[in-house]
Structure formats: C-alpha cells, structure tokens
Amino acid sequence: LFAGFFPPTFILGVVLLGISKIVNNM
C-alpha cells in the first residue's frame, strides 16, 4: 500500500491486509 495507487500493488495490498485482519480476528 505504501507504493500508492499503482493497481497491482494496491489491489494486492488491500487483499493481503484484509486477509491478515480476517485471520487475526477469527
């Protein structure tokens, strides 16, 4: 996500962070 809105890294960053939060909580 620190790479900005560059599509591949932004989308993958969102997905990875979302997965981390899911597994962290659940």
PDB file of all heavy atoms in Angstrom:
ATOM      1  N   LEU A   1       0.823  -1.211   0.000  1.00  0.00           N
ATOM      2  CA  LEU A   1       0.000   0.000   0.000  1.00  0.00           C
ATOM      3  C   LEU A   1       0.858   1.263   0.000  1.00  0.00           C
ATOM      4  O   LEU A   1       0.442   2.306  -0.510  1.00  0.00           O
ATOM      5  CB  LEU A   1      -0.942   0.003   1.208  1.00  0.00           C
ATOM      6  CG  LEU A   1      -2.091  -1.006   1.173  1.00  0.00           C
ATOM      7  CD1 LEU A   1      -2.911  -0.929   2.459  1.00  0.00           C
ATOM      8  CD2 LEU A   1      -2.991  -0.767  -0.033  1.00  0.00           C
ATOM      9  N   PHE A   2       2.070   1.181   0.555  1.00  0.00           N
ATOM     10  CA  PHE A   2       2.973   2.330   0.577  1.00  0.00           C
ATOM     11  C   PHE A   2       3.431   2.715  -0.834  1.00  0.00           C
ATOM     12  O   PHE A   2       3.981   3.805  -1.028  1.00  0.00           O
ATOM     13  CB  PHE A   2       4.187   2.029   1.450  1.00  0.00           C
ATOM     14  CG  PHE A   2       3.975   2.380   2.912  1.00  0.00           C
ATOM     15  CD1 PHE A   2       2.770   2.090   3.525  1.00  0.00           C
ATOM     16  CD2 PHE A   2       4.962   2.984   3.650  1.00  0.00           C
ATOM     17  CE1 PHE A   2       2.562   2.408   4.860  1.00  0.00           C
ATOM     18  CE2 PHE A   2       4.764   3.301   4.985  1.00  0.00           C
ATOM     19  CZ  PHE A   2       3.555   3.013   5.594  1.00  0.00           C
ATOM     20  N   ALA A   3       3.204   1.813  -1.799  1.00  0.00           N
ATOM     21  CA  ALA A   3       3.578   2.121  -3.186  1.00  0.00           C
ATOM     22  C   ALA A   3       2.539   2.999  -3.867  1.00  0.00           C
ATOM     23  O   ALA A   3       2.724   3.392  -5.027  1.00  0.00           O
ATOM     24  CB  ALA A   3       3.767   0.830  -3.974  1.00  0.00           C
ATOM     25  N   GLY A   4       1.444   3.310  -3.178  1.00  0.00           N
ATOM     26  CA  GLY A   4       0.439   4.197  -3.743  1.00  0.00           C
ATOM     27  C   GLY A   4      -0.658   3.450  -4.476  1.00  0.00           C
ATOM     28  O   GLY A   4      -0.895   2.261  -4.250  1.00  0.00           O
ATOM     29  N   PHE A   5      -1.317   4.146  -5.397  1.00  0.00           N
ATOM     30  CA  PHE A   5      -2.476   3.607  -6.103  1.00  0.00           C
ATOM     31  C   PHE A   5      -2.103   2.772  -7.327  1.00  0.00           C
ATOM     32  O   PHE A   5      -2.971   2.434  -8.126  1.00  0.00           O
ATOM     33  CB  PHE A   5      -3.403   4.745  -6.554  1.00  0.00           C
ATOM     34  CG  PHE A   5      -4.272   5.277  -5.443  1.00  0.00           C
ATOM     35  CD1 PHE A   5      -4.101   6.565  -4.982  1.00  0.00           C
ATOM     36  CD2 PHE A   5      -5.259   4.480  -4.881  1.00  0.00           C
ATOM     37  CE1 PHE A   5      -4.912   7.068  -3.971  1.00  0.00           C
ATOM     38  CE2 PHE A   5      -6.068   4.971  -3.866  1.00  0.00           C
ATOM     39  CZ  PHE A   5      -5.895   6.269  -3.409  1.00  0.00           C
ATOM     40  N   PHE A   6      -0.823   2.432  -7.501  1.00  0.00           N
ATOM     41  CA  PHE A   6      -0.402   1.603  -8.619  1.00  0.00           C
ATOM     42  C   PHE A   6      -1.210   0.305  -8.571  1.00  0.00           C
ATOM     43  O   PHE A   6      -1.142  -0.442  -7.573  1.00  0.00           O
ATOM     44  CB  PHE A   6       1.092   1.317  -8.522  1.00  0.00           C
ATOM     45  CG  PHE A   6       1.641   0.545  -9.688  1.00  0.00           C
ATOM     46  CD1 PHE A   6       1.569   1.049 -10.978  1.00  0.00           C
ATOM     47  CD2 PHE A   6       2.246  -0.694  -9.486  1.00  0.00           C
ATOM     48  CE1 PHE A   6       2.070   0.326 -12.052  1.00  0.00           C
ATOM     49  CE2 PHE A   6       2.759  -1.415 -10.553  1.00  0.00           C
ATOM     50  CZ  PHE A   6       2.675  -0.901 -11.838  1.00  0.00           C
ATOM     51  N   PRO A   7      -2.025   0.015  -9.604  1.00  0.00           N
ATOM     52  CA  PRO A   7      -3.064  -1.028  -9.494  1.00  0.00           C
ATOM     53  C   PRO A   7      -2.615  -2.381  -8.950  1.00  0.00           C
ATOM     54  O   PRO A   7      -3.234  -2.877  -7.996  1.00  0.00           O
ATOM     55  CB  PRO A   7      -3.604  -1.128 -10.925  1.00  0.00           C
ATOM     56  CG  PRO A   7      -3.384   0.224 -11.488  1.00  0.00           C
ATOM     57  CD  PRO A   7      -2.087   0.717 -10.892  1.00  0.00           C
ATOM     58  N   PRO A   8      -1.571  -3.017  -9.498  1.00  0.00           N
ATOM     59  CA  PRO A   8      -1.280  -4.366  -8.989  1.00  0.00           C
ATOM     60  C   PRO A   8      -0.953  -4.382  -7.499  1.00  0.00           C
ATOM     61  O   PRO A   8      -1.479  -5.211  -6.754  1.00  0.00           O
ATOM     62  CB  PRO A   8      -0.087  -4.815  -9.837  1.00  0.00           C
ATOM     63  CG  PRO A   8      -0.146  -3.964 -11.061  1.00  0.00           C
ATOM     64  CD  PRO A   8      -0.677  -2.653 -10.596  1.00  0.00           C
ATOM     65  N   THR A   9      -0.074  -3.482  -7.066  1.00  0.00           N
ATOM     66  CA  THR A   9       0.341  -3.496  -5.661  1.00  0.00           C
ATOM     67  C   THR A   9      -0.773  -3.002  -4.738  1.00  0.00           C
ATOM     68  O   THR A   9      -0.932  -3.520  -3.628  1.00  0.00           O
ATOM     69  CB  THR A   9       1.604  -2.645  -5.459  1.00  0.00           C
ATOM     70  OG1 THR A   9       1.375  -1.322  -5.988  1.00  0.00           O
ATOM     71  CG2 THR A   9       2.800  -3.273  -6.148  1.00  0.00           C
ATOM     72  N   PHE A  10      -1.550  -2.021  -5.176  1.00  0.00           N
ATOM     73  CA  PHE A  10      -2.631  -1.509  -4.328  1.00  0.00           C
ATOM     74  C   PHE A  10      -3.679  -2.587  -4.082  1.00  0.00           C
ATOM     75  O   PHE A  10      -4.084  -2.835  -2.936  1.00  0.00           O
ATOM     76  CB  PHE A  10      -3.283  -0.287  -4.970  1.00  0.00           C
ATOM     77  CG  PHE A  10      -4.398   0.298  -4.149  1.00  0.00           C
ATOM     78  CD1 PHE A  10      -4.123   1.078  -3.043  1.00  0.00           C
ATOM     79  CD2 PHE A  10      -5.729   0.038  -4.471  1.00  0.00           C
ATOM     80  CE1 PHE A  10      -5.158   1.611  -2.272  1.00  0.00           C
ATOM     81  CE2 PHE A  10      -6.767   0.565  -3.705  1.00  0.00           C
ATOM     82  CZ  PHE A  10      -6.471   1.356  -2.602  1.00  0.00           C
ATOM     83  N   ILE A  11      -4.104  -3.264  -5.149  1.00  0.00           N
ATOM     84  CA  ILE A  11      -5.136  -4.303  -5.009  1.00  0.00           C
ATOM     85  C   ILE A  11      -4.614  -5.459  -4.154  1.00  0.00           C
ATOM     86  O   ILE A  11      -5.311  -5.939  -3.240  1.00  0.00           O
ATOM     87  CB  ILE A  11      -5.584  -4.799  -6.391  1.00  0.00           C
ATOM     88  CG1 ILE A  11      -6.292  -3.676  -7.149  1.00  0.00           C
ATOM     89  CG2 ILE A  11      -6.500  -6.015  -6.256  1.00  0.00           C
ATOM     90  CD1 ILE A  11      -6.599  -4.002  -8.597  1.00  0.00           C
ATOM     91  N   LEU A  12      -3.395  -5.894  -4.454  1.00  0.00           N
ATOM     92  CA  LEU A  12      -2.829  -6.998  -3.678  1.00  0.00           C
ATOM     93  C   LEU A  12      -2.608  -6.590  -2.230  1.00  0.00           C
ATOM     94  O   LEU A  12      -2.824  -7.389  -1.310  1.00  0.00           O
ATOM     95  CB  LEU A  12      -1.510  -7.457  -4.315  1.00  0.00           C
ATOM     96  CG  LEU A  12      -0.879  -8.731  -3.733  1.00  0.00           C
ATOM     97  CD1 LEU A  12      -1.866  -9.900  -3.777  1.00  0.00           C
ATOM     98  CD2 LEU A  12       0.404  -9.081  -4.485  1.00  0.00           C
ATOM     99  N   GLY A  13      -2.198  -5.345  -2.017  1.00  0.00           N
ATOM    100  CA  GLY A  13      -2.003  -4.867  -0.649  1.00  0.00           C
ATOM    101  C   GLY A  13      -3.298  -4.871   0.139  1.00  0.00           C
ATOM    102  O   GLY A  13      -3.329  -5.276   1.313  1.00  0.00           O
ATOM    103  N   VAL A  14      -4.384  -4.422  -0.487  1.00  0.00           N
ATOM    104  CA  VAL A  14      -5.691  -4.427   0.176  1.00  0.00           C
ATOM    105  C   VAL A  14      -6.113  -5.856   0.520  1.00  0.00           C
ATOM    106  O   VAL A  14      -6.572  -6.139   1.635  1.00  0.00           O
ATOM    107  CB  VAL A  14      -6.751  -3.748  -0.717  1.00  0.00           C
ATOM    108  CG1 VAL A  14      -8.153  -4.004  -0.167  1.00  0.00           C
ATOM    109  CG2 VAL A  14      -6.486  -2.254  -0.818  1.00  0.00           C
ATOM    110  N   VAL A  15      -5.950  -6.766  -0.433  1.00  0.00           N
ATOM    111  CA  VAL A  15      -6.355  -8.158  -0.218  1.00  0.00           C
ATOM    112  C   VAL A  15      -5.545  -8.796   0.913  1.00  0.00           C
ATOM    113  O   VAL A  15      -6.104  -9.442   1.811  1.00  0.00           O
ATOM    114  CB  VAL A  15      -6.214  -8.969  -1.519  1.00  0.00           C
ATOM    115  CG1 VAL A  15      -6.418 -10.460  -1.249  1.00  0.00           C
ATOM    116  CG2 VAL A  15      -7.210  -8.478  -2.561  1.00  0.00           C
ATOM    117  N   LEU A  16      -4.222  -8.613   0.881  1.00  0.00           N
ATOM    118  CA  LEU A  16      -3.371  -9.210   1.914  1.00  0.00           C
ATOM    119  C   LEU A  16      -3.675  -8.634   3.297  1.00  0.00           C
ATOM    120  O   LEU A  16      -3.734  -9.369   4.292  1.00  0.00           O
ATOM    121  CB  LEU A  16      -1.896  -9.002   1.573  1.00  0.00           C
ATOM    122  CG  LEU A  16      -1.344  -9.878   0.449  1.00  0.00           C
ATOM    123  CD1 LEU A  16       0.081  -9.456   0.090  1.00  0.00           C
ATOM    124  CD2 LEU A  16      -1.358 -11.345   0.861  1.00  0.00           C
ATOM    125  N   LEU A  17      -3.866  -7.319   3.368  1.00  0.00           N
ATOM    126  CA  LEU A  17      -4.178  -6.711   4.654  1.00  0.00           C
ATOM    127  C   LEU A  17      -5.553  -7.154   5.142  1.00  0.00           C
ATOM    128  O   LEU A  17      -5.746  -7.411   6.347  1.00  0.00           O
ATOM    129  CB  LEU A  17      -4.117  -5.185   4.542  1.00  0.00           C
ATOM    130  CG  LEU A  17      -4.307  -4.403   5.843  1.00  0.00           C
ATOM    131  CD1 LEU A  17      -3.295  -4.825   6.894  1.00  0.00           C
ATOM    132  CD2 LEU A  17      -4.204  -2.899   5.586  1.00  0.00           C
ATOM    133  N   GLY A  18      -6.516  -7.269   4.213  1.00  0.00           N
ATOM    134  CA  GLY A  18      -7.831  -7.763   4.589  1.00  0.00           C
ATOM    135  C   GLY A  18      -7.776  -9.189   5.113  1.00  0.00           C
ATOM    136  O   GLY A  18      -8.412  -9.519   6.129  1.00  0.00           O
ATOM    137  N   ILE A  19      -7.001 -10.045   4.454  1.00  0.00           N
ATOM    138  CA  ILE A  19      -6.839 -11.434   4.906  1.00  0.00           C
ATOM    139  C   ILE A  19      -6.182 -11.467   6.278  1.00  0.00           C
ATOM    140  O   ILE A  19      -6.586 -12.243   7.162  1.00  0.00           O
ATOM    141  CB  ILE A  19      -6.029 -12.241   3.878  1.00  0.00           C
ATOM    142  CG1 ILE A  19      -6.863 -12.478   2.619  1.00  0.00           C
ATOM    143  CG2 ILE A  19      -5.572 -13.577   4.469  1.00  0.00           C
ATOM    144  CD1 ILE A  19      -6.096 -13.130   1.487  1.00  0.00           C
ATOM    145  N   SER A  20      -5.163 -10.634   6.480  1.00  0.00           N
ATOM    146  CA  SER A  20      -4.494 -10.578   7.779  1.00  0.00           C
ATOM    147  C   SER A  20      -5.474 -10.219   8.882  1.00  0.00           C
ATOM    148  O   SER A  20      -5.478 -10.831   9.962  1.00  0.00           O
ATOM    149  CB  SER A  20      -3.354  -9.555   7.741  1.00  0.00           C
ATOM    150  OG  SER A  20      -2.756  -9.427   9.016  1.00  0.00           O
ATOM    151  N   LYS A  21      -6.330  -9.240   8.630  1.00  0.00           N
ATOM    152  CA  LYS A  21      -7.305  -8.826   9.634  1.00  0.00           C
ATOM    153  C   LYS A  21      -8.335  -9.918   9.893  1.00  0.00           C
ATOM    154  O   LYS A  21      -8.756 -10.143  11.048  1.00  0.00           O
ATOM    155  CB  LYS A  21      -7.996  -7.529   9.184  1.00  0.00           C
ATOM    156  CG  LYS A  21      -7.094  -6.286   9.239  1.00  0.00           C
ATOM    157  CD  LYS A  21      -7.781  -5.071   8.662  1.00  0.00           C
ATOM    158  CE  LYS A  21      -6.934  -3.816   8.798  1.00  0.00           C
ATOM    159  NZ  LYS A  21      -6.833  -3.344  10.182  1.00  0.00           N
ATOM    160  N   ILE A  22      -8.753 -10.618   8.835  1.00  0.00           N
ATOM    161  CA  ILE A  22      -9.710 -11.717   8.993  1.00  0.00           C
ATOM    162  C   ILE A  22      -9.120 -12.816   9.876  1.00  0.00           C
ATOM    163  O   ILE A  22      -9.744 -13.257  10.849  1.00  0.00           O
ATOM    164  CB  ILE A  22     -10.104 -12.283   7.618  1.00  0.00           C
ATOM    165  CG1 ILE A  22     -11.030 -11.309   6.878  1.00  0.00           C
ATOM    166  CG2 ILE A  22     -10.778 -13.652   7.767  1.00  0.00           C
ATOM    167  CD1 ILE A  22     -11.273 -11.680   5.424  1.00  0.00           C
ATOM    168  N   VAL A  23      -7.929 -13.279   9.524  1.00  0.00           N
ATOM    169  CA  VAL A  23      -7.320 -14.375  10.278  1.00  0.00           C
ATOM    170  C   VAL A  23      -6.975 -13.926  11.689  1.00  0.00           C
ATOM    171  O   VAL A  23      -7.122 -14.692  12.660  1.00  0.00           O
ATOM    172  CB  VAL A  23      -6.074 -14.905   9.542  1.00  0.00           C
ATOM    173  CG1 VAL A  23      -5.407 -16.016  10.340  1.00  0.00           C
ATOM    174  CG2 VAL A  23      -6.458 -15.418   8.152  1.00  0.00           C
ATOM    175  N   ASN A  24      -6.527 -12.677  11.840  1.00  0.00           N
ATOM    176  CA  ASN A  24      -6.221 -12.140  13.162  1.00  0.00           C
ATOM    177  C   ASN A  24      -7.435 -12.216  14.067  1.00  0.00           C
ATOM    178  O   ASN A  24      -7.342 -12.645  15.228  1.00  0.00           O
ATOM    179  CB  ASN A  24      -5.747 -10.681  13.013  1.00  0.00           C
ATOM    180  CG  ASN A  24      -5.296 -10.070  14.328  1.00  0.00           C
ATOM    181  OD1 ASN A  24      -5.957 -10.220  15.346  1.00  0.00           O
ATOM    182  ND2 ASN A  24      -4.185  -9.359  14.301  1.00  0.00           N
ATOM    183  N   ASN A  25      -8.578 -11.800  13.564  1.00  0.00           N
ATOM    184  CA  ASN A  25      -9.784 -11.766  14.389  1.00  0.00           C
ATOM    185  C   ASN A  25     -10.407 -13.140  14.572  1.00  0.00           C
ATOM    186  O   ASN A  25     -10.849 -13.477  15.678  1.00  0.00           O
ATOM    187  CB  ASN A  25     -10.820 -10.822  13.778  1.00  0.00           C
ATOM    188  CG  ASN A  25     -10.418  -9.364  13.855  1.00  0.00           C
ATOM    189  OD1 ASN A  25     -11.035  -8.512  13.238  1.00  0.00           O
ATOM    190  ND2 ASN A  25      -9.362  -9.035  14.584  1.00  0.00           N
ATOM    191  N   MET A  26     -10.452 -13.947  13.507  1.00  0.00           N
ATOM    192  CA  MET A  26     -11.266 -15.149  13.534  1.00  0.00           C
ATOM    193  C   MET A  26     -10.507 -16.407  13.959  1.00  0.00           C
ATOM    194  O   MET A  26     -10.963 -17.144  14.829  1.00  0.00           O
ATOM    195  CB  MET A  26     -11.924 -15.359  12.166  1.00  0.00           C
ATOM    196  CG  MET A  26     -12.776 -14.171  11.737  1.00  0.00           C
ATOM    197  SD  MET A  26     -13.784 -14.469  10.279  1.00  0.00           S
ATOM    198  CE  MET A  26     -15.099 -15.475  10.942  1.00  0.00           C
TER     199      MET A  26
END
